[in-house]
Protein backbone atom coordinates (compact mmCIF):
# COMPACT_ATOMS: atom_id res chain seq x y z
CA UNK A 1 -3.91 26.46 32.43
CA UNK A 2 -3.44 22.92 31.28
CA UNK A 3 -1.19 22.42 28.39
CA UNK A 4 -2.70 21.68 25.01
CA UNK A 5 -1.58 20.55 21.85
CA UNK A 6 -1.37 23.09 18.92
CA UNK A 7 -4.70 22.86 17.23
CA UNK A 8 -3.15 22.93 13.73
CA UNK A 9 -1.03 20.06 14.67
CA UNK A 10 -4.30 18.22 16.06
CA UNK A 11 -5.71 18.74 12.61
CA UNK A 12 -2.58 18.02 10.73
CA UNK A 13 -2.64 21.20 8.86
CA UNK A 14 -0.31 23.94 8.14
CA UNK A 15 -0.97 27.49 10.25
CA UNK A 16 -1.87 29.25 7.08
CA UNK A 17 -4.56 26.48 5.68
CA UNK A 18 -7.24 27.77 4.20
CA UNK A 19 -10.98 27.09 5.16
CA UNK A 20 -11.37 24.16 2.60
CA UNK A 21 -8.36 22.43 3.70
CA UNK A 22 -9.23 22.49 7.55
CA UNK A 23 -12.73 21.05 6.94
CA UNK A 24 -11.39 18.62 4.68
CA UNK A 25 -9.06 17.58 7.38
CA UNK A 26 -11.45 17.50 10.11
CA UNK A 27 -14.06 15.60 8.25
CA UNK A 28 -11.41 12.83 7.61
CA UNK A 29 -10.31 12.62 11.19
CA UNK A 30 -13.87 12.51 12.36
CA UNK A 31 -14.68 9.72 10.38
CA UNK A 32 -11.51 8.05 11.29
CA UNK A 33 -12.00 8.47 15.18
CA UNK A 34 -15.58 8.48 15.68
CA UNK A 35 -16.43 6.16 18.64
CA UNK A 36 -19.00 4.13 16.79
CA UNK A 37 -16.08 3.31 14.41
CA UNK A 38 -13.64 2.41 17.22
CA UNK A 39 -15.88 0.53 19.74
CA UNK A 40 -12.62 -1.36 20.96
CA UNK A 41 -10.64 1.61 21.29
CA UNK A 42 -11.05 3.64 24.66
CA UNK A 43 -9.11 6.49 23.44
CA UNK A 44 -10.71 7.02 20.39
CA UNK A 45 -13.49 9.33 22.20
CA UNK A 46 -11.07 11.56 23.53
CA UNK A 47 -9.31 11.88 20.51
CA UNK A 48 -12.41 12.66 18.44
CA UNK A 49 -13.35 15.33 21.14
CA UNK A 50 -9.87 16.85 20.56
CA UNK A 51 -10.43 17.06 16.66
CA UNK A 52 -13.78 18.37 17.11
CA UNK A 53 -12.62 21.10 19.52
CA UNK A 54 -9.93 22.05 17.17
CA UNK A 55 -12.14 22.38 14.16
CA UNK A 56 -14.53 24.65 16.36
CA UNK A 57 -11.94 27.10 16.86
CA UNK A 58 -10.06 27.22 13.60
CA UNK A 59 -13.34 26.96 11.85
CA UNK A 60 -14.47 30.37 13.12
CA UNK A 61 -12.51 33.38 11.85
CA UNK A 62 -12.66 35.49 14.91
CA UNK A 63 -11.82 32.37 17.29
CA UNK A 64 -8.83 31.52 14.95
CA UNK A 65 -7.50 34.90 14.39
CA UNK A 66 -7.50 35.17 18.47
CA UNK A 67 -5.95 31.78 18.69
CA UNK A 68 -3.25 32.53 15.96
CA UNK A 69 -2.39 36.06 18.12
CA UNK A 70 -2.43 34.80 21.75
CA UNK A 71 -2.18 31.15 21.69
CA UNK A 72 -3.66 29.03 24.43
CA UNK A 73 -4.66 32.09 26.27
CA UNK A 74 -7.49 32.92 23.76
CA UNK A 75 -9.10 29.25 25.09
CA UNK A 76 -9.29 30.18 28.55
CA UNK A 77 -12.51 31.29 30.16
CA UNK A 78 -12.77 35.08 30.66
CA UNK A 79 -10.39 35.84 27.81
CA UNK A 80 -10.52 39.43 27.06
CA UNK A 81 -9.92 39.95 23.22
CA UNK A 82 -9.95 43.79 23.41
CA UNK A 83 -7.78 43.90 26.47
CA UNK A 84 -5.40 41.64 24.77
CA UNK A 85 -5.12 43.50 21.55
CA UNK A 86 -4.45 46.78 23.79
CA UNK A 87 -1.64 45.17 25.21
CA UNK A 88 -0.53 43.87 21.92
CA UNK A 89 -0.60 47.54 20.19
CA UNK A 90 1.12 48.72 23.53
CA UNK A 91 3.78 46.45 23.08
CA UNK A 92 4.12 47.22 19.25
CA UNK A 93 4.42 51.23 20.34
CA UNK A 94 6.99 50.50 23.06
CA UNK A 95 9.39 48.40 20.82
CA UNK A 96 8.85 51.00 18.12
CA UNK A 97 10.15 53.60 20.38
CA UNK A 98 13.53 51.67 21.29
CA UNK A 99 11.94 49.92 24.63
CA UNK A 100 14.03 46.62 24.20
CA UNK A 101 16.34 45.05 22.07
CA UNK A 102 14.40 42.17 20.30
CA UNK A 103 16.93 41.62 17.27
CA UNK A 104 17.59 37.98 16.46
CA UNK A 105 20.26 36.55 13.81
CA UNK A 106 21.25 33.55 12.03
CA UNK A 107 23.98 32.09 10.14
CA UNK A 108 25.16 34.61 7.23
CA UNK A 109 22.27 34.27 4.57
CA UNK A 110 19.48 33.47 6.59
CA UNK A 111 16.75 35.62 7.19
CA UNK A 112 14.81 35.61 10.46
CA UNK A 113 11.98 37.90 11.80
CA UNK A 114 9.31 37.99 14.75
CA UNK A 115 6.24 36.28 13.44
CA UNK A 116 2.63 38.19 13.36
CA UNK A 117 1.96 37.37 17.15
CA UNK A 118 4.82 39.46 18.66
CA UNK A 119 6.16 38.53 22.04
CA UNK A 120 4.04 40.21 24.52
CA UNK A 121 6.08 39.00 27.70
CA UNK A 122 6.96 42.20 29.55
CA UNK A 123 3.63 44.43 28.52
CA UNK A 124 1.48 41.63 29.32
CA UNK A 125 3.36 41.07 32.52
CA UNK A 126 3.02 44.95 33.37
CA UNK A 127 -0.77 45.16 32.15
CA UNK A 128 -1.74 42.07 33.91
CA UNK A 129 -0.10 43.21 37.24
CA UNK A 130 2.27 40.09 37.76
CA UNK A 131 5.31 41.72 36.22
CA UNK A 132 7.98 40.07 34.06
CA UNK A 133 8.03 36.45 34.65
CA UNK A 134 4.69 36.29 36.89
CA UNK A 135 1.76 34.22 36.42
CA UNK A 136 -0.06 37.64 36.09
CA UNK A 137 -3.82 38.76 37.39
CA UNK A 138 -5.79 35.68 37.78
CA UNK A 139 -2.92 33.48 37.32
CA UNK A 140 -3.11 33.85 33.71
CA UNK A 141 -0.41 32.31 31.61
CA UNK A 142 0.58 33.07 27.91
CA UNK A 143 2.35 30.95 25.25
CA UNK A 144 5.41 32.47 23.71
CA UNK A 145 5.16 34.02 20.29
CA UNK A 146 6.00 31.71 17.33
CA UNK A 147 9.03 33.18 15.33
CA UNK A 148 9.78 32.51 11.63
CA UNK A 149 13.05 31.98 9.80
CA UNK A 150 13.99 31.34 6.29
CA UNK A 151 17.01 29.03 5.46
CA UNK A 152 18.65 28.33 2.22
CA UNK A 153 19.65 24.92 1.14
CA UNK A 154 21.33 23.61 -2.07
CA UNK A 155 19.23 21.47 -4.24
CA UNK A 156 21.13 18.38 -3.14
CA UNK A 157 21.05 19.16 0.33
CA UNK A 158 17.21 19.41 0.18
CA UNK A 159 17.06 15.86 -1.43
CA UNK A 160 19.17 14.26 1.06
CA UNK A 161 18.03 15.79 4.11
CA UNK A 162 20.18 17.10 7.09
CA UNK A 163 20.12 19.45 9.63
CA UNK A 164 21.40 23.28 10.24
CA UNK A 165 22.49 24.78 13.36
CA UNK A 166 21.28 28.35 13.71
CA UNK A 167 22.37 31.09 16.35
CA UNK A 168 19.87 33.42 17.59
CA UNK A 169 19.47 36.11 20.05
CA UNK A 170 16.29 36.45 21.75
CA UNK A 171 14.30 38.30 24.50
CA UNK A 172 13.78 36.77 27.89
CA UNK A 173 10.98 37.48 29.93
CA UNK A 174 12.79 39.17 32.69
CA UNK A 175 13.80 41.93 29.91
CA UNK A 176 17.14 40.76 29.02
CA UNK A 177 18.21 38.66 26.07
CA UNK A 178 19.57 35.09 25.66
CA UNK A 179 21.97 33.56 22.92
CA UNK A 180 20.87 30.09 21.72
CA UNK A 181 21.81 27.62 19.18
CA UNK A 182 19.05 25.78 17.41
CA UNK A 183 19.10 22.56 15.37
CA UNK A 184 16.70 22.69 12.33
CA UNK A 185 16.35 19.16 11.08
CA UNK A 186 15.00 18.80 7.46
CA UNK A 187 13.85 15.20 5.83
CA UNK A 188 15.11 14.17 2.49
CA UNK A 189 12.89 15.54 0.00
CA UNK A 190 12.09 18.83 1.34
CA UNK A 191 10.89 21.35 -1.29
CA UNK A 192 11.28 24.95 -1.80
CA UNK A 193 8.39 26.73 0.32
CA UNK A 194 8.02 23.95 3.05
CA UNK A 195 7.59 25.14 6.56
CA UNK A 196 9.23 23.09 9.29
CA UNK A 197 8.19 23.53 13.06
CA UNK A 198 10.69 23.44 15.76
CA UNK A 199 8.58 23.09 18.71
CA UNK A 200 9.31 25.14 21.75
CA UNK A 201 12.20 27.29 20.17
CA UNK A 202 10.16 30.41 19.54
CA UNK A 203 9.80 33.56 22.01
CA UNK A 204 9.61 32.60 25.78
CA UNK A 205 6.13 32.36 27.33
CA UNK A 206 4.55 34.98 29.90
CA UNK A 207 3.93 33.78 33.60
CA UNK A 208 5.27 30.35 33.28
CA UNK A 209 3.34 29.88 29.95
CA UNK A 210 5.12 27.43 27.37
CA UNK A 211 7.48 28.91 24.60
CA UNK A 212 6.37 29.77 21.19
CA UNK A 213 7.43 27.69 18.10
CA UNK A 214 10.04 28.35 15.32
CA UNK A 215 8.61 27.82 12.06
CA UNK A 216 11.44 27.64 9.16
CA UNK A 217 10.40 28.43 5.51
CA UNK A 218 12.89 26.57 3.36
CA UNK A 219 14.41 28.13 0.29
CA UNK A 220 15.98 25.86 -2.10
CA UNK A 221 18.64 27.01 -4.79
CA UNK A 222 18.08 25.82 -8.39
CA UNK A 223 20.28 23.08 -10.10
CA UNK A 224 21.98 23.53 -13.31
CA UNK A 225 20.89 20.06 -14.53
CA UNK A 226 17.90 18.59 -12.54
CA UNK A 227 14.54 20.23 -12.25
CA UNK A 228 12.01 19.19 -9.77
CA UNK A 229 8.25 18.39 -10.86
CA UNK A 230 6.53 17.25 -7.69
CA UNK A 231 8.02 14.07 -6.49
CA UNK A 232 9.91 13.37 -9.86
CA UNK A 233 13.31 15.09 -11.20
CA UNK A 234 13.43 15.99 -14.89
CA UNK A 235 17.00 16.02 -16.75
CA UNK A 236 17.33 17.05 -20.07
CA UNK A 237 19.55 14.76 -22.00
CA UNK A 238 21.02 15.39 -25.51
CA UNK A 239 21.81 12.72 -27.79
CA UNK A 240 23.02 12.47 -31.51
CA UNK A 241 21.19 11.68 -34.67
CA UNK A 242 22.88 8.38 -34.96
CA UNK A 243 21.84 7.50 -31.41
CA UNK A 244 18.47 8.50 -32.03
CA UNK A 245 17.89 6.13 -34.85
CA UNK A 246 20.19 3.36 -34.02
CA UNK A 247 19.38 3.48 -30.23
CA UNK A 248 22.09 3.77 -27.58
CA UNK A 249 23.15 3.09 -23.95
CA UNK A 250 24.18 6.61 -22.47
CA UNK A 251 25.46 7.74 -18.87
CA UNK A 252 23.39 10.17 -17.26
CA UNK A 253 23.79 11.59 -13.58
CA UNK A 254 21.39 10.97 -10.90
CA UNK A 255 21.23 12.22 -7.27
CA UNK A 256 22.86 8.78 -6.36
CA UNK A 257 25.42 8.76 -9.14
CA UNK A 258 25.79 7.75 -12.62
CA UNK A 259 23.83 5.11 -14.30
CA UNK A 260 23.18 4.08 -17.88
CA UNK A 261 20.08 5.01 -19.84
CA UNK A 262 18.94 2.95 -22.45
CA UNK A 263 17.58 4.89 -25.58
CA UNK A 264 15.51 2.83 -27.73
CA UNK A 265 16.01 2.81 -31.66
CA UNK A 266 13.90 5.38 -33.51
CA UNK A 267 13.55 7.56 -30.38
CA UNK A 268 12.11 11.11 -31.07
CA UNK A 269 13.25 14.66 -29.74
CA UNK A 270 11.10 15.40 -26.80
CA UNK A 271 10.38 11.73 -25.64
CA UNK A 272 10.53 11.10 -22.14
CA UNK A 273 12.14 8.06 -20.53
CA UNK A 274 11.74 7.00 -17.14
CA UNK A 275 14.15 5.65 -14.26
CA UNK A 276 11.80 4.45 -11.46
CA UNK A 277 12.64 5.42 -7.95
CA UNK A 278 15.59 7.70 -9.06
CA UNK A 279 13.72 10.70 -8.26
CA UNK A 280 12.85 12.44 -5.03
CA UNK A 281 13.32 10.40 -1.77
CA UNK A 282 10.25 8.82 -0.47
CA UNK A 283 8.81 10.26 2.67
CA UNK A 284 5.88 9.52 5.34
CA UNK A 285 5.21 6.11 3.63
CA UNK A 286 5.28 7.48 0.00
CA UNK A 287 7.78 5.65 -2.61
CA UNK A 288 10.49 7.68 -4.31
CA UNK A 289 9.73 9.74 -7.22
CA UNK A 290 11.11 9.04 -10.55
CA UNK A 291 13.81 10.37 -12.94
CA UNK A 292 12.53 11.53 -16.03
CA UNK A 293 15.08 11.99 -19.00
CA UNK A 294 13.85 14.21 -21.45
CA UNK A 295 15.47 13.54 -24.92
CA UNK A 296 16.81 16.36 -27.26
CA UNK A 297 18.39 15.23 -30.31
CA UNK A 298 21.16 17.21 -31.41
CA UNK A 299 21.80 17.94 -35.28
CA UNK A 300 25.71 18.48 -36.46
CA UNK A 301 25.95 21.84 -37.82
CA UNK A 302 28.25 20.75 -40.42
CA UNK A 303 28.59 17.57 -42.61
CA UNK A 304 30.55 16.66 -45.69
CA UNK A 305 29.37 15.01 -48.87
CA UNK A 306 29.63 11.57 -47.94
CA UNK A 307 27.21 12.19 -45.02
CA UNK A 308 24.98 13.95 -47.28
CA UNK A 309 24.70 11.01 -49.44
CA UNK A 310 24.28 8.67 -46.54
CA UNK A 311 21.33 10.73 -45.23
CA UNK A 312 19.61 10.76 -48.52
CA UNK A 313 19.31 7.03 -48.34
CA UNK A 314 17.10 7.58 -45.54
CA UNK A 315 14.23 9.08 -47.73
CA UNK A 316 12.52 5.80 -48.18
CA UNK A 317 12.05 5.08 -44.56
CA UNK A 318 10.85 8.72 -44.02
CA UNK A 319 7.05 9.22 -43.34
CA UNK A 320 5.65 11.19 -46.29
CA UNK A 321 2.98 12.42 -44.28
CA UNK A 322 5.06 13.26 -41.20
CA UNK A 323 3.24 17.17 -40.81
CA UNK A 324 -0.12 16.12 -41.81
CA UNK A 325 -1.76 16.49 -38.46
CA UNK A 326 -0.56 20.36 -38.78
CA UNK A 327 -3.40 20.80 -41.42
CA UNK A 328 -6.09 18.41 -40.03
CA UNK A 329 -8.00 21.34 -38.25
CA UNK A 330 -8.03 24.71 -39.35
CA UNK A 331 -6.43 27.13 -36.68
CA UNK A 332 -9.10 29.26 -34.95
């Protein structure tokens, strides 16, 4: 069985993409790669065929389910869906009865588990007559199961990017176990809920089949000051009444250090001041997001008579119709 690219990777979509996302990705790629649009590119036709074949599988619910469960094996001629599912069930029964140690562990605080498509190495080898590590009946090979992990990052680590070294113990096709250290690299600006693929670091394949992948779900701890809204960061900035009236330059934090924020005279509470490029770092050709400073005017709780007299002088500058808009339309 020739090695194929992952079909989801071919279309550039996540494994949990819905039908609409898959169809949209296919249409976009088909327009870009159609041989008529690329007459001078001899490789365009092959890429167009690859995209079309991927869409044929992933747009069919039954074929997609088989591919998710059994990988490239489901694409081979002679694939027997029912036999494969019986083997899957037999594996689960054997595992539940204590037939092998399939535990895995990561660093403290990290969570990891087998994906929906469990490692079927030993049981498929038995049923297909090849034994553990053999090619199986008819020379069949099976791609290893994908594994799922959850890794927690601090807010700043997620913004800056980096890597985590994770140690796992996983089953081998011969029935033993192996301990392996896997490095998961995450790009700057990774968001809570993002899923990162580490190719070839899943469960071993059957009959010299390729290994599965490790899919890591990112969990980002909240930050006490910054909040994330898409590619932008939001920070609440308190200012005094005097600063709001007269304007000021105030120091605020950013992920890259302190900067000066200019507050224009007459700034109201709730105003949003934008610092371009100071938000989430750019990724895949996209520009960096912005830092949005949300102004909050803090009123002193106690003032003396002199301050009251000074404030009284402001009355002639105030808008007498300041709340008129509240009564322009009767509430429903």
